[in-house]
Amino acid sequence: MAELYDPYVPKIQHGTGGNEKTQSVQQQMNNVKNIMQQNIDKAMERDERLADIHGKTENLQSTAERFRRGANQVRKRMWWKDLKWKVIIAVTILVILGVIIGSIVGMQQNNNNGS
């Protein structure tokens, strides 16, 4: 009985040639399987690294926010301290000017009363 020809089914050859082809195809399949397993492992490692990077990014973002708030508090505190010193210096200058002007006016009144 004659077998029907099917181009998708490989012809089994008797002897050593067919067995070598089968082994060659099997070896290629094993190589492809190993490569695919390596790719899957690399993809899983990449996913883990991305998760780590995401966690570090969130941590860095919260740290940056705390730093910004702290820097603003320090800036405001320094502004008030600077303002306090400016007020103290201005009051001191006014008191000194008051004493100088008062003594000058006092001397002139004494000179006017004594003449």
PDB file of N, CA and C in Angstrom:
ATOM      1  N   MET A   1       0.833  -1.149   0.000  1.00  0.00           N
ATOM      2  CA  MET A   1       0.000   0.000   0.000  1.00  0.00           C
ATOM      3  C   MET A   1       0.895   1.235   0.000  1.00  0.00           C
ATOM      4  N   ALA A   2       0.566   2.206  -0.799  1.00  0.00           N
ATOM      5  CA  ALA A   2       1.376   3.423  -0.929  1.00  0.00           C
ATOM      6  C   ALA A   2       0.906   4.436   0.092  1.00  0.00           C
ATOM      7  N   GLU A   3       1.861   5.068   0.725  1.00  0.00           N
ATOM      8  CA  GLU A   3       1.528   6.086   1.727  1.00  0.00           C
ATOM      9  C   GLU A   3       1.302   7.412   1.035  1.00  0.00           C
ATOM     10  N   LEU A   4       0.396   8.213   1.596  1.00  0.00           N
ATOM     11  CA  LEU A   4       0.137   9.541   1.059  1.00  0.00           C
ATOM     12  C   LEU A   4       1.276  10.465   1.449  1.00  0.00           C
ATOM     13  N   TYR A   5       1.600  11.371   0.569  1.00  0.00           N
ATOM     14  CA  TYR A   5       2.691  12.323   0.830  1.00  0.00           C
ATOM     15  C   TYR A   5       2.155  13.503   1.626  1.00  0.00           C
ATOM     16  N   ASP A   6       2.790  13.796   2.724  1.00  0.00           N
ATOM     17  CA  ASP A   6       2.447  14.966   3.535  1.00  0.00           C
ATOM     18  C   ASP A   6       3.738  15.763   3.744  1.00  0.00           C
ATOM     19  N   PRO A   7       3.805  17.027   3.214  1.00  0.00           N
ATOM     20  CA  PRO A   7       5.066  17.786   3.310  1.00  0.00           C
ATOM     21  C   PRO A   7       5.405  18.193   4.737  1.00  0.00           C
ATOM     22  N   TYR A   8       4.433  18.145   5.646  1.00  0.00           N
ATOM     23  CA  TYR A   8       4.677  18.557   7.029  1.00  0.00           C
ATOM     24  C   TYR A   8       5.172  17.418   7.917  1.00  0.00           C
ATOM     25  N   VAL A   9       5.063  16.244   7.468  1.00  0.00           N
ATOM     26  CA  VAL A   9       5.529  15.092   8.230  1.00  0.00           C
ATOM     27  C   VAL A   9       6.846  14.643   7.607  1.00  0.00           C
ATOM     28  N   PRO A  10       7.935  14.656   8.414  1.00  0.00           N
ATOM     29  CA  PRO A  10       9.222  14.248   7.832  1.00  0.00           C
ATOM     30  C   PRO A  10       9.223  12.766   7.492  1.00  0.00           C
ATOM     31  N   LYS A  11       9.894  12.459   6.439  1.00  0.00           N
ATOM     32  CA  LYS A  11      10.014  11.067   6.005  1.00  0.00           C
ATOM     33  C   LYS A  11      11.022  10.364   6.888  1.00  0.00           C
ATOM     34  N   ILE A  12      10.672   9.233   7.384  1.00  0.00           N
ATOM     35  CA  ILE A  12      11.584   8.459   8.211  1.00  0.00           C
ATOM     36  C   ILE A  12      12.453   7.645   7.273  1.00  0.00           C
ATOM     37  N   GLN A  13      13.739   7.909   7.385  1.00  0.00           N
ATOM     38  CA  GLN A  13      14.666   7.167   6.544  1.00  0.00           C
ATOM     39  C   GLN A  13      15.289   6.067   7.371  1.00  0.00           C
ATOM     40  N   HIS A  14      15.407   4.965   6.760  1.00  0.00           N
ATOM     41  CA  HIS A  14      16.025   3.834   7.457  1.00  0.00           C
ATOM     42  C   HIS A  14      17.523   3.957   7.325  1.00  0.00           C
ATOM     43  N   GLY A  15      18.220   3.593   8.364  1.00  0.00           N
ATOM     44  CA  GLY A  15      19.672   3.677   8.361  1.00  0.00           C
ATOM     45  C   GLY A  15      20.127   4.765   9.310  1.00  0.00           C
ATOM     46  N   THR A  16      21.376   5.178   9.148  1.00  0.00           N
ATOM     47  CA  THR A  16      21.956   6.128  10.097  1.00  0.00           C
ATOM     48  C   THR A  16      21.601   7.568   9.778  1.00  0.00           C
ATOM     49  N   GLY A  17      21.274   7.926   8.557  1.00  0.00           N
ATOM     50  CA  GLY A  17      20.997   9.309   8.172  1.00  0.00           C
ATOM     51  C   GLY A  17      19.805   9.888   8.901  1.00  0.00           C
ATOM     52  N   GLY A  18      18.720   9.152   9.026  1.00  0.00           N
ATOM     53  CA  GLY A  18      17.510   9.636   9.678  1.00  0.00           C
ATOM     54  C   GLY A  18      17.720   9.869  11.162  1.00  0.00           C
ATOM     55  N   ASN A  19      18.447   8.987  11.777  1.00  0.00           N
ATOM     56  CA  ASN A  19      18.703   9.093  13.197  1.00  0.00           C
ATOM     57  C   ASN A  19      19.560  10.324  13.495  1.00  0.00           C
ATOM     58  N   GLU A  20      20.514  10.632  12.651  1.00  0.00           N
ATOM     59  CA  GLU A  20      21.357  11.816  12.820  1.00  0.00           C
ATOM     60  C   GLU A  20      20.531  13.090  12.688  1.00  0.00           C
ATOM     61  N   LYS A  21      19.606  13.099  11.745  1.00  0.00           N
ATOM     62  CA  LYS A  21      18.743  14.270  11.574  1.00  0.00           C
ATOM     63  C   LYS A  21      17.874  14.469  12.808  1.00  0.00           C
ATOM     64  N   THR A  22      17.344  13.392  13.340  1.00  0.00           N
ATOM     65  CA  THR A  22      16.509  13.469  14.534  1.00  0.00           C
ATOM     66  C   THR A  22      17.319  13.999  15.712  1.00  0.00           C
ATOM     67  N   GLN A  23      18.525  13.507  15.857  1.00  0.00           N
ATOM     68  CA  GLN A  23      19.386  13.979  16.938  1.00  0.00           C
ATOM     69  C   GLN A  23      19.736  15.457  16.752  1.00  0.00           C
ATOM     70  N   SER A  24      19.985  15.857  15.508  1.00  0.00           N
ATOM     71  CA  SER A  24      20.311  17.245  15.212  1.00  0.00           C
ATOM     72  C   SER A  24      19.138  18.159  15.561  1.00  0.00           C
ATOM     73  N   VAL A  25      17.933  17.750  15.168  1.00  0.00           N
ATOM     74  CA  VAL A  25      16.741  18.535  15.479  1.00  0.00           C
ATOM     75  C   VAL A  25      16.519  18.568  16.989  1.00  0.00           C
ATOM     76  N   GLN A  26      16.732  17.448  17.643  1.00  0.00           N
ATOM     77  CA  GLN A  26      16.582  17.382  19.097  1.00  0.00           C
ATOM     78  C   GLN A  26      17.588  18.314  19.785  1.00  0.00           C
ATOM     79  N   GLN A  27      18.824  18.324  19.268  1.00  0.00           N
ATOM     80  CA  GLN A  27      19.851  19.208  19.831  1.00  0.00           C
ATOM     81  C   GLN A  27      19.467  20.677  19.639  1.00  0.00           C
ATOM     82  N   GLN A  28      18.948  21.014  18.461  1.00  0.00           N
ATOM     83  CA  GLN A  28      18.506  22.382  18.199  1.00  0.00           C
ATOM     84  C   GLN A  28      17.357  22.762  19.136  1.00  0.00           C
ATOM     85  N   MET A  29      16.439  21.836  19.350  1.00  0.00           N
ATOM     86  CA  MET A  29      15.317  22.089  20.259  1.00  0.00           C
ATOM     87  C   MET A  29      15.827  22.317  21.683  1.00  0.00           C
ATOM     88  N   ASN A  30      16.798  21.513  22.107  1.00  0.00           N
ATOM     89  CA  ASN A  30      17.366  21.693  23.443  1.00  0.00           C
ATOM     90  C   ASN A  30      18.063  23.053  23.557  1.00  0.00           C
ATOM     91  N   ASN A  31      18.781  23.452  22.502  1.00  0.00           N
ATOM     92  CA  ASN A  31      19.442  24.757  22.505  1.00  0.00           C
ATOM     93  C   ASN A  31      18.415  25.886  22.618  1.00  0.00           C
ATOM     94  N   VAL A  32      17.343  25.791  21.832  1.00  0.00           N
ATOM     95  CA  VAL A  32      16.294  26.817  21.873  1.00  0.00           C
ATOM     96  C   VAL A  32      15.650  26.848  23.253  1.00  0.00           C
ATOM     97  N   LYS A  33      15.409  25.668  23.826  1.00  0.00           N
ATOM     98  CA  LYS A  33      14.809  25.583  25.152  1.00  0.00           C
ATOM     99  C   LYS A  33      15.716  26.226  26.199  1.00  0.00           C
ATOM    100  N   ASN A  34      17.007  25.972  26.128  1.00  0.00           N
ATOM    101  CA  ASN A  34      17.960  26.570  27.078  1.00  0.00           C
ATOM    102  C   ASN A  34      18.001  28.091  26.935  1.00  0.00           C
ATOM    103  N   ILE A  35      18.002  28.568  25.702  1.00  0.00           N
ATOM    104  CA  ILE A  35      18.019  30.013  25.462  1.00  0.00           C
ATOM    105  C   ILE A  35      16.756  30.653  26.020  1.00  0.00           C
ATOM    106  N   MET A  36      15.623  30.019  25.811  1.00  0.00           N
ATOM    107  CA  MET A  36      14.363  30.557  26.313  1.00  0.00           C
ATOM    108  C   MET A  36      14.347  30.569  27.849  1.00  0.00           C
ATOM    109  N   GLN A  37      14.892  29.531  28.482  1.00  0.00           N
ATOM    110  CA  GLN A  37      14.959  29.512  29.942  1.00  0.00           C
ATOM    111  C   GLN A  37      15.859  30.641  30.454  1.00  0.00           C
ATOM    112  N   GLN A  38      16.984  30.867  29.766  1.00  0.00           N
ATOM    113  CA  GLN A  38      17.875  31.963  30.150  1.00  0.00           C
ATOM    114  C   GLN A  38      17.153  33.311  30.000  1.00  0.00           C
ATOM    115  N   ASN A  39      16.406  33.470  28.911  1.00  0.00           N
ATOM    116  CA  ASN A  39      15.668  34.716  28.695  1.00  0.00           C
ATOM    117  C   ASN A  39      14.619  34.940  29.782  1.00  0.00           C
ATOM    118  N   ILE A  40      13.939  33.888  30.167  1.00  0.00           N
ATOM    119  CA  ILE A  40      12.931  33.991  31.225  1.00  0.00           C
ATOM    120  C   ILE A  40      13.605  34.354  32.551  1.00  0.00           C
ATOM    121  N   ASP A  41      14.754  33.708  32.847  1.00  0.00           N
ATOM    122  CA  ASP A  41      15.483  34.030  34.079  1.00  0.00           C
ATOM    123  C   ASP A  41      15.934  35.493  34.079  1.00  0.00           C
ATOM    124  N   LYS A  42      16.443  35.966  32.944  1.00  0.00           N
ATOM    125  CA  LYS A  42      16.884  37.355  32.839  1.00  0.00           C
ATOM    126  C   LYS A  42      15.707  38.312  33.012  1.00  0.00           C
ATOM    127  N   ALA A  43      14.555  37.958  32.440  1.00  0.00           N
ATOM    128  CA  ALA A  43      13.371  38.815  32.577  1.00  0.00           C
ATOM    129  C   ALA A  43      12.922  38.880  34.041  1.00  0.00           C
ATOM    130  N   MET A  44      12.992  37.759  34.748  1.00  0.00           N
ATOM    131  CA  MET A  44      12.610  37.751  36.158  1.00  0.00           C
ATOM    132  C   MET A  44      13.593  38.571  36.986  1.00  0.00           C
ATOM    133  N   GLU A  45      14.895  38.459  36.692  1.00  0.00           N
ATOM    134  CA  GLU A  45      15.896  39.264  37.406  1.00  0.00           C
ATOM    135  C   GLU A  45      15.672  40.744  37.129  1.00  0.00           C
ATOM    136  N   ARG A  46      15.357  41.077  35.887  1.00  0.00           N
ATOM    137  CA  ARG A  46      15.099  42.468  35.518  1.00  0.00           C
ATOM    138  C   ARG A  46      13.892  42.997  36.279  1.00  0.00           C
ATOM    139  N   ASP A  47      12.848  42.173  36.400  1.00  0.00           N
ATOM    140  CA  ASP A  47      11.655  42.581  37.138  1.00  0.00           C
ATOM    141  C   ASP A  47      11.993  42.844  38.601  1.00  0.00           C
ATOM    142  N   GLU A  48      12.840  41.991  39.191  1.00  0.00           N
ATOM    143  CA  GLU A  48      13.254  42.193  40.582  1.00  0.00           C
ATOM    144  C   GLU A  48      14.052  43.487  40.719  1.00  0.00           C
ATOM    145  N   ARG A  49      14.965  43.732  39.780  1.00  0.00           N
ATOM    146  CA  ARG A  49      15.760  44.970  39.835  1.00  0.00           C
ATOM    147  C   ARG A  49      14.865  46.186  39.668  1.00  0.00           C
ATOM    148  N   LEU A  50      13.878  46.098  38.790  1.00  0.00           N
ATOM    149  CA  LEU A  50      12.949  47.222  38.608  1.00  0.00           C
ATOM    150  C   LEU A  50      12.161  47.488  39.883  1.00  0.00           C
ATOM    151  N   ALA A  51      11.762  46.423  40.554  1.00  0.00           N
ATOM    152  CA  ALA A  51      11.032  46.582  41.821  1.00  0.00           C
ATOM    153  C   ALA A  51      11.942  47.246  42.862  1.00  0.00           C
ATOM    154  N   ASP A  52      13.216  46.831  42.916  1.00  0.00           N
ATOM    155  CA  ASP A  52      14.161  47.454  43.846  1.00  0.00           C
ATOM    156  C   ASP A  52      14.352  48.932  43.517  1.00  0.00           C
ATOM    157  N   ILE A  53      14.515  49.231  42.238  1.00  0.00           N
ATOM    158  CA  ILE A  53      14.709  50.620  41.811  1.00  0.00           C
ATOM    159  C   ILE A  53      13.468  51.444  42.146  1.00  0.00           C
ATOM    160  N   HIS A  54      12.293  50.870  41.957  1.00  0.00           N
ATOM    161  CA  HIS A  54      11.046  51.575  42.272  1.00  0.00           C
ATOM    162  C   HIS A  54      10.991  51.897  43.769  1.00  0.00           C
ATOM    163  N   GLY A  55      11.349  50.925  44.592  1.00  0.00           N
ATOM    164  CA  GLY A  55      11.357  51.146  46.041  1.00  0.00           C
ATOM    165  C   GLY A  55      12.357  52.228  46.429  1.00  0.00           C
ATOM    166  N   LYS A  56      13.538  52.190  45.830  1.00  0.00           N
ATOM    167  CA  LYS A  56      14.551  53.203  46.140  1.00  0.00           C
ATOM    168  C   LYS A  56      14.091  54.577  45.672  1.00  0.00           C
ATOM    169  N   THR A  57      13.398  54.624  44.539  1.00  0.00           N
ATOM    170  CA  THR A  57      12.893  55.901  44.030  1.00  0.00           C
ATOM    171  C   THR A  57      11.868  56.492  44.986  1.00  0.00           C
ATOM    172  N   GLU A  58      10.962  55.675  45.476  1.00  0.00           N
ATOM    173  CA  GLU A  58       9.965  56.166  46.435  1.00  0.00           C
ATOM    174  C   GLU A  58      10.632  56.652  47.711  1.00  0.00           C
ATOM    175  N   ASN A  59      11.636  55.913  48.180  1.00  0.00           N
ATOM    176  CA  ASN A  59      12.364  56.309  49.384  1.00  0.00           C
ATOM    177  C   ASN A  59      13.084  57.638  49.166  1.00  0.00           C
ATOM    178  N   LEU A  60      13.718  57.772  48.017  1.00  0.00           N
ATOM    179  CA  LEU A  60      14.429  59.014  47.691  1.00  0.00           C
ATOM    180  C   LEU A  60      13.464  60.185  47.590  1.00  0.00           C
ATOM    181  N   GLN A  61      12.296  59.936  47.024  1.00  0.00           N
ATOM    182  CA  GLN A  61      11.299  61.003  46.888  1.00  0.00           C
ATOM    183  C   GLN A  61      10.814  61.473  48.261  1.00  0.00           C
ATOM    184  N   SER A  62      10.551  60.548  49.166  1.00  0.00           N
ATOM    185  CA  SER A  62      10.103  60.953  50.500  1.00  0.00           C
ATOM    186  C   SER A  62      11.225  61.663  51.260  1.00  0.00           C
ATOM    187  N   THR A  63      12.461  61.200  51.085  1.00  0.00           N
ATOM    188  CA  THR A  63      13.602  61.861  51.731  1.00  0.00           C
ATOM    189  C   THR A  63      13.769  63.270  51.183  1.00  0.00           C
ATOM    190  N   ALA A  64      13.613  63.433  49.887  1.00  0.00           N
ATOM    191  CA  ALA A  64      13.736  64.760  49.273  1.00  0.00           C
ATOM    192  C   ALA A  64      12.645  65.694  49.788  1.00  0.00           C
ATOM    193  N   GLU A  65      11.452  65.175  49.978  1.00  0.00           N
ATOM    194  CA  GLU A  65      10.350  65.993  50.495  1.00  0.00           C
ATOM    195  C   GLU A  65      10.644  66.441  51.928  1.00  0.00           C
ATOM    196  N   ARG A  66      11.151  65.541  52.764  1.00  0.00           N
ATOM    197  CA  ARG A  66      11.519  65.913  54.139  1.00  0.00           C
ATOM    198  C   ARG A  66      12.648  66.934  54.141  1.00  0.00           C
ATOM    199  N   PHE A  67      13.613  66.757  53.249  1.00  0.00           N
ATOM    200  CA  PHE A  67      14.722  67.707  53.162  1.00  0.00           C
ATOM    201  C   PHE A  67      14.207  69.087  52.759  1.00  0.00           C
ATOM    202  N   ARG A  68      13.278  69.123  51.798  1.00  0.00           N
ATOM    203  CA  ARG A  68      12.730  70.401  51.350  1.00  0.00           C
ATOM    204  C   ARG A  68      12.008  71.113  52.493  1.00  0.00           C
ATOM    205  N   ARG A  69      11.185  70.359  53.233  1.00  0.00           N
ATOM    206  CA  ARG A  69      10.476  70.960  54.371  1.00  0.00           C
ATOM    207  C   ARG A  69      11.455  71.464  55.430  1.00  0.00           C
ATOM    208  N   GLY A  70      12.468  70.666  55.727  1.00  0.00           N
ATOM    209  CA  GLY A  70      13.472  71.073  56.707  1.00  0.00           C
ATOM    210  C   GLY A  70      14.242  72.309  56.246  1.00  0.00           C
ATOM    211  N   ALA A  71      14.578  72.352  54.965  1.00  0.00           N
ATOM    212  CA  ALA A  71      15.301  73.510  54.430  1.00  0.00           C
ATOM    213  C   ALA A  71      14.441  74.767  54.523  1.00  0.00           C
ATOM    214  N   ASN A  72      13.151  74.654  54.252  1.00  0.00           N
ATOM    215  CA  ASN A  72      12.252  75.803  54.377  1.00  0.00           C
ATOM    216  C   ASN A  72      12.171  76.279  55.829  1.00  0.00           C
ATOM    217  N   GLN A  73      12.110  75.350  56.769  1.00  0.00           N
ATOM    218  CA  GLN A  73      12.062  75.729  58.180  1.00  0.00           C
ATOM    219  C   GLN A  73      13.340  76.461  58.584  1.00  0.00           C
ATOM    220  N   VAL A  74      14.479  75.948  58.137  1.00  0.00           N
ATOM    221  CA  VAL A  74      15.751  76.602  58.467  1.00  0.00           C
ATOM    222  C   VAL A  74      15.803  77.988  57.830  1.00  0.00           C
ATOM    223  N   ARG A  75      15.348  78.092  56.600  1.00  0.00           N
ATOM    224  CA  ARG A  75      15.348  79.386  55.908  1.00  0.00           C
ATOM    225  C   ARG A  75      14.492  80.396  56.674  1.00  0.00           C
ATOM    226  N   LYS A  76      13.299  79.990  57.101  1.00  0.00           N
ATOM    227  CA  LYS A  76      12.427  80.895  57.852  1.00  0.00           C
ATOM    228  C   LYS A  76      13.045  81.274  59.186  1.00  0.00           C
ATOM    229  N   ARG A  77      13.627  80.312  59.875  1.00  0.00           N
ATOM    230  CA  ARG A  77      14.268  80.582  61.159  1.00  0.00           C
ATOM    231  C   ARG A  77      15.421  81.581  60.995  1.00  0.00           C
ATOM    232  N   MET A  78      16.215  81.394  59.955  1.00  0.00           N
ATOM    233  CA  MET A  78      17.334  82.307  59.712  1.00  0.00           C
ATOM    234  C   MET A  78      16.818  83.701  59.340  1.00  0.00           C
ATOM    235  N   TRP A  79      15.713  83.780  58.606  1.00  0.00           N
ATOM    236  CA  TRP A  79      15.144  85.074  58.239  1.00  0.00           C
ATOM    237  C   TRP A  79      14.721  85.833  59.491  1.00  0.00           C
ATOM    238  N   TRP A  80      14.042  85.128  60.428  1.00  0.00           N
ATOM    239  CA  TRP A  80      13.616  85.775  61.672  1.00  0.00           C
ATOM    240  C   TRP A  80      14.822  86.198  62.507  1.00  0.00           C
ATOM    241  N   LYS A  81      15.834  85.363  62.561  1.00  0.00           N
ATOM    242  CA  LYS A  81      17.031  85.698  63.325  1.00  0.00           C
ATOM    243  C   LYS A  81      17.714  86.925  62.731  1.00  0.00           C
ATOM    244  N   ASP A  82      17.813  86.959  61.408  1.00  0.00           N
ATOM    245  CA  ASP A  82      18.406  88.102  60.723  1.00  0.00           C
ATOM    246  C   ASP A  82      17.592  89.364  60.985  1.00  0.00           C
ATOM    247  N   LEU A  83      16.271  89.252  60.930  1.00  0.00           N
ATOM    248  CA  LEU A  83      15.397  90.394  61.194  1.00  0.00           C
ATOM    249  C   LEU A  83      15.567  90.880  62.630  1.00  0.00           C
ATOM    250  N   LYS A  84      15.676  89.948  63.569  1.00  0.00           N
ATOM    251  CA  LYS A  84      15.859  90.301  64.977  1.00  0.00           C
ATOM    252  C   LYS A  84      17.151  91.104  65.152  1.00  0.00           C
ATOM    253  N   TRP A  85      18.221  90.672  64.522  1.00  0.00           N
ATOM    254  CA  TRP A  85      19.488  91.402  64.630  1.00  0.00           C
ATOM    255  C   TRP A  85      19.399  92.768  63.979  1.00  0.00           C
ATOM    256  N   LYS A  86      18.710  92.865  62.857  1.00  0.00           N
ATOM    257  CA  LYS A  86      18.540  94.172  62.203  1.00  0.00           C
ATOM    258  C   LYS A  86      17.766  95.129  63.116  1.00  0.00           C
ATOM    259  N   VAL A  87      16.723  94.615  63.782  1.00  0.00           N
ATOM    260  CA  VAL A  87      15.931  95.451  64.695  1.00  0.00           C
ATOM    261  C   VAL A  87      16.786  95.882  65.879  1.00  0.00           C
ATOM    262  N   ILE A  88      17.565  94.953  66.430  1.00  0.00           N
ATOM    263  CA  ILE A  88      18.430  95.286  67.570  1.00  0.00           C
ATOM    264  C   ILE A  88      19.443  96.358  67.169  1.00  0.00           C
ATOM    265  N   ILE A  89      20.058  96.207  66.002  1.00  0.00           N
ATOM    266  CA  ILE A  89      21.040  97.195  65.536  1.00  0.00           C
ATOM    267  C   ILE A  89      20.365  98.541  65.296  1.00  0.00           C
ATOM    268  N   ALA A  90      19.192  98.538  64.674  1.00  0.00           N
ATOM    269  CA  ALA A  90      18.477  99.796  64.408  1.00  0.00           C
ATOM    270  C   ALA A  90      18.111 100.498  65.713  1.00  0.00           C
ATOM    271  N   VAL A  91      17.614  99.750  66.709  1.00  0.00           N
ATOM    272  CA  VAL A  91      17.248 100.350  67.994  1.00  0.00           C
ATOM    273  C   VAL A  91      18.492 100.890  68.687  1.00  0.00           C
ATOM    274  N   THR A  92      19.586 100.166  68.632  1.00  0.00           N
ATOM    275  CA  THR A  92      20.833 100.619  69.245  1.00  0.00           C
ATOM    276  C   THR A  92      21.305 101.922  68.605  1.00  0.00           C
ATOM    277  N   ILE A  93      21.260 101.975  67.261  1.00  0.00           N
ATOM    278  CA  ILE A  93      21.660 103.198  66.553  1.00  0.00           C
ATOM    279  C   ILE A  93      20.735 104.357  66.933  1.00  0.00           C
ATOM    280  N   LEU A  94      19.437 104.103  67.010  1.00  0.00           N
ATOM    281  CA  LEU A  94      18.502 105.159  67.402  1.00  0.00           C
ATOM    282  C   LEU A  94      18.769 105.651  68.822  1.00  0.00           C
ATOM    283  N   VAL A  95      19.066 104.742  69.746  1.00  0.00           N
ATOM    284  CA  VAL A  95      19.368 105.132  71.119  1.00  0.00           C
ATOM    285  C   VAL A  95      20.643 105.970  71.152  1.00  0.00           C
ATOM    286  N   ILE A  96      21.669 105.550  70.434  1.00  0.00           N
ATOM    287  CA  ILE A  96      22.925 106.309  70.400  1.00  0.00           C
ATOM    288  C   ILE A  96      22.686 107.684  69.791  1.00  0.00           C
ATOM    289  N   LEU A  97      21.936 107.730  68.686  1.00  0.00           N
ATOM    290  CA  LEU A  97      21.617 109.024  68.075  1.00  0.00           C
ATOM    291  C   LEU A  97      20.801 109.886  69.034  1.00  0.00           C
ATOM    292  N   GLY A  98      19.884 109.271  69.746  1.00  0.00           N
ATOM    293  CA  GLY A  98      19.079 110.005  70.723  1.00  0.00           C
ATOM    294  C   GLY A  98      19.949 110.606  71.819  1.00  0.00           C
ATOM    295  N   VAL A  99      20.883 109.830  72.321  1.00  0.00           N
ATOM    296  CA  VAL A  99      21.784 110.319  73.366  1.00  0.00           C
ATOM    297  C   VAL A  99      22.637 111.452  72.822  1.00  0.00           C
ATOM    298  N   ILE A 100      23.187 111.293  71.617  1.00  0.00           N
ATOM    299  CA  ILE A 100      24.028 112.340  71.021  1.00  0.00           C
ATOM    300  C   ILE A 100      23.211 113.607  70.786  1.00  0.00           C
ATOM    301  N   ILE A 101      22.053 113.463  70.184  1.00  0.00           N
ATOM    302  CA  ILE A 101      21.207 114.635  69.903  1.00  0.00           C
ATOM    303  C   ILE A 101      20.745 115.266  71.214  1.00  0.00           C
ATOM    304  N   GLY A 102      20.393 114.432  72.180  1.00  0.00           N
ATOM    305  CA  GLY A 102      19.968 114.952  73.488  1.00  0.00           C
ATOM    306  C   GLY A 102      21.082 115.733  74.160  1.00  0.00           C
ATOM    307  N   SER A 103      22.287 115.246  74.110  1.00  0.00           N
ATOM    308  CA  SER A 103      23.396 115.969  74.744  1.00  0.00           C
ATOM    309  C   SER A 103      23.701 117.262  74.000  1.00  0.00           C
ATOM    310  N   ILE A 104      23.592 117.244  72.667  1.00  0.00           N
ATOM    311  CA  ILE A 104      23.822 118.472  71.887  1.00  0.00           C
ATOM    312  C   ILE A 104      22.744 119.501  72.221  1.00  0.00           C
ATOM    313  N   VAL A 105      21.490 119.072  72.259  1.00  0.00           N
ATOM    314  CA  VAL A 105      20.391 119.991  72.570  1.00  0.00           C
ATOM    315  C   VAL A 105      20.544 120.498  74.003  1.00  0.00           C
ATOM    316  N   GLY A 106      20.944 119.642  74.907  1.00  0.00           N
ATOM    317  CA  GLY A 106      21.148 120.044  76.299  1.00  0.00           C
ATOM    318  C   GLY A 106      22.246 121.082  76.425  1.00  0.00           C
ATOM    319  N   MET A 107      23.329 120.923  75.695  1.00  0.00           N
ATOM    320  CA  MET A 107      24.434 121.882  75.724  1.00  0.00           C
ATOM    321  C   MET A 107      23.987 123.226  75.163  1.00  0.00           C
ATOM    322  N   GLN A 108      23.231 123.174  74.094  1.00  0.00           N
ATOM    323  CA  GLN A 108      22.770 124.433  73.486  1.00  0.00           C
ATOM    324  C   GLN A 108      21.812 125.139  74.431  1.00  0.00           C
ATOM    325  N   GLN A 109      20.970 124.420  75.111  1.00  0.00           N
ATOM    326  CA  GLN A 109      20.050 125.064  76.054  1.00  0.00           C
ATOM    327  C   GLN A 109      20.816 125.651  77.231  1.00  0.00           C
ATOM    328  N   ASN A 110      21.857 124.938  77.669  1.00  0.00           N
ATOM    329  CA  ASN A 110      22.691 125.475  78.749  1.00  0.00           C
ATOM    330  C   ASN A 110      23.429 126.725  78.291  1.00  0.00           C
ATOM    331  N   ASN A 111      23.878 126.752  77.060  1.00  0.00           N
ATOM    332  CA  ASN A 111      24.594 127.923  76.526  1.00  0.00           C
ATOM    333  C   ASN A 111      23.613 129.092  76.379  1.00  0.00           C
ATOM    334  N   ASN A 112      22.398 128.808  75.936  1.00  0.00           N
ATOM    335  CA  ASN A 112      21.402 129.869  75.764  1.00  0.00           C
ATOM    336  C   ASN A 112      20.943 130.398  77.123  1.00  0.00           C
ATOM    337  N   ASN A 113      20.820 129.554  78.115  1.00  0.00           N
ATOM    338  CA  ASN A 113      20.400 129.982  79.448  1.00  0.00           C
ATOM    339  C   ASN A 113      21.524 130.712  80.183  1.00  0.00           C
ATOM    340  N   GLY A 114      22.720 130.357  79.918  1.00  0.00           N
ATOM    341  CA  GLY A 114      23.854 130.953  80.595  1.00  0.00           C
ATOM    342  C   GLY A 114      24.286 132.263  79.970  1.00  0.00           C
ATOM    343  N   SER A 115      23.915 132.581  78.800  1.00  0.00           N
ATOM    344  CA  SER A 115      24.366 133.797  78.156  1.00  0.00           C
ATOM    345  C   SER A 115      23.568 134.972  78.513  1.00  0.00           C
TER     346      SER A 115
END
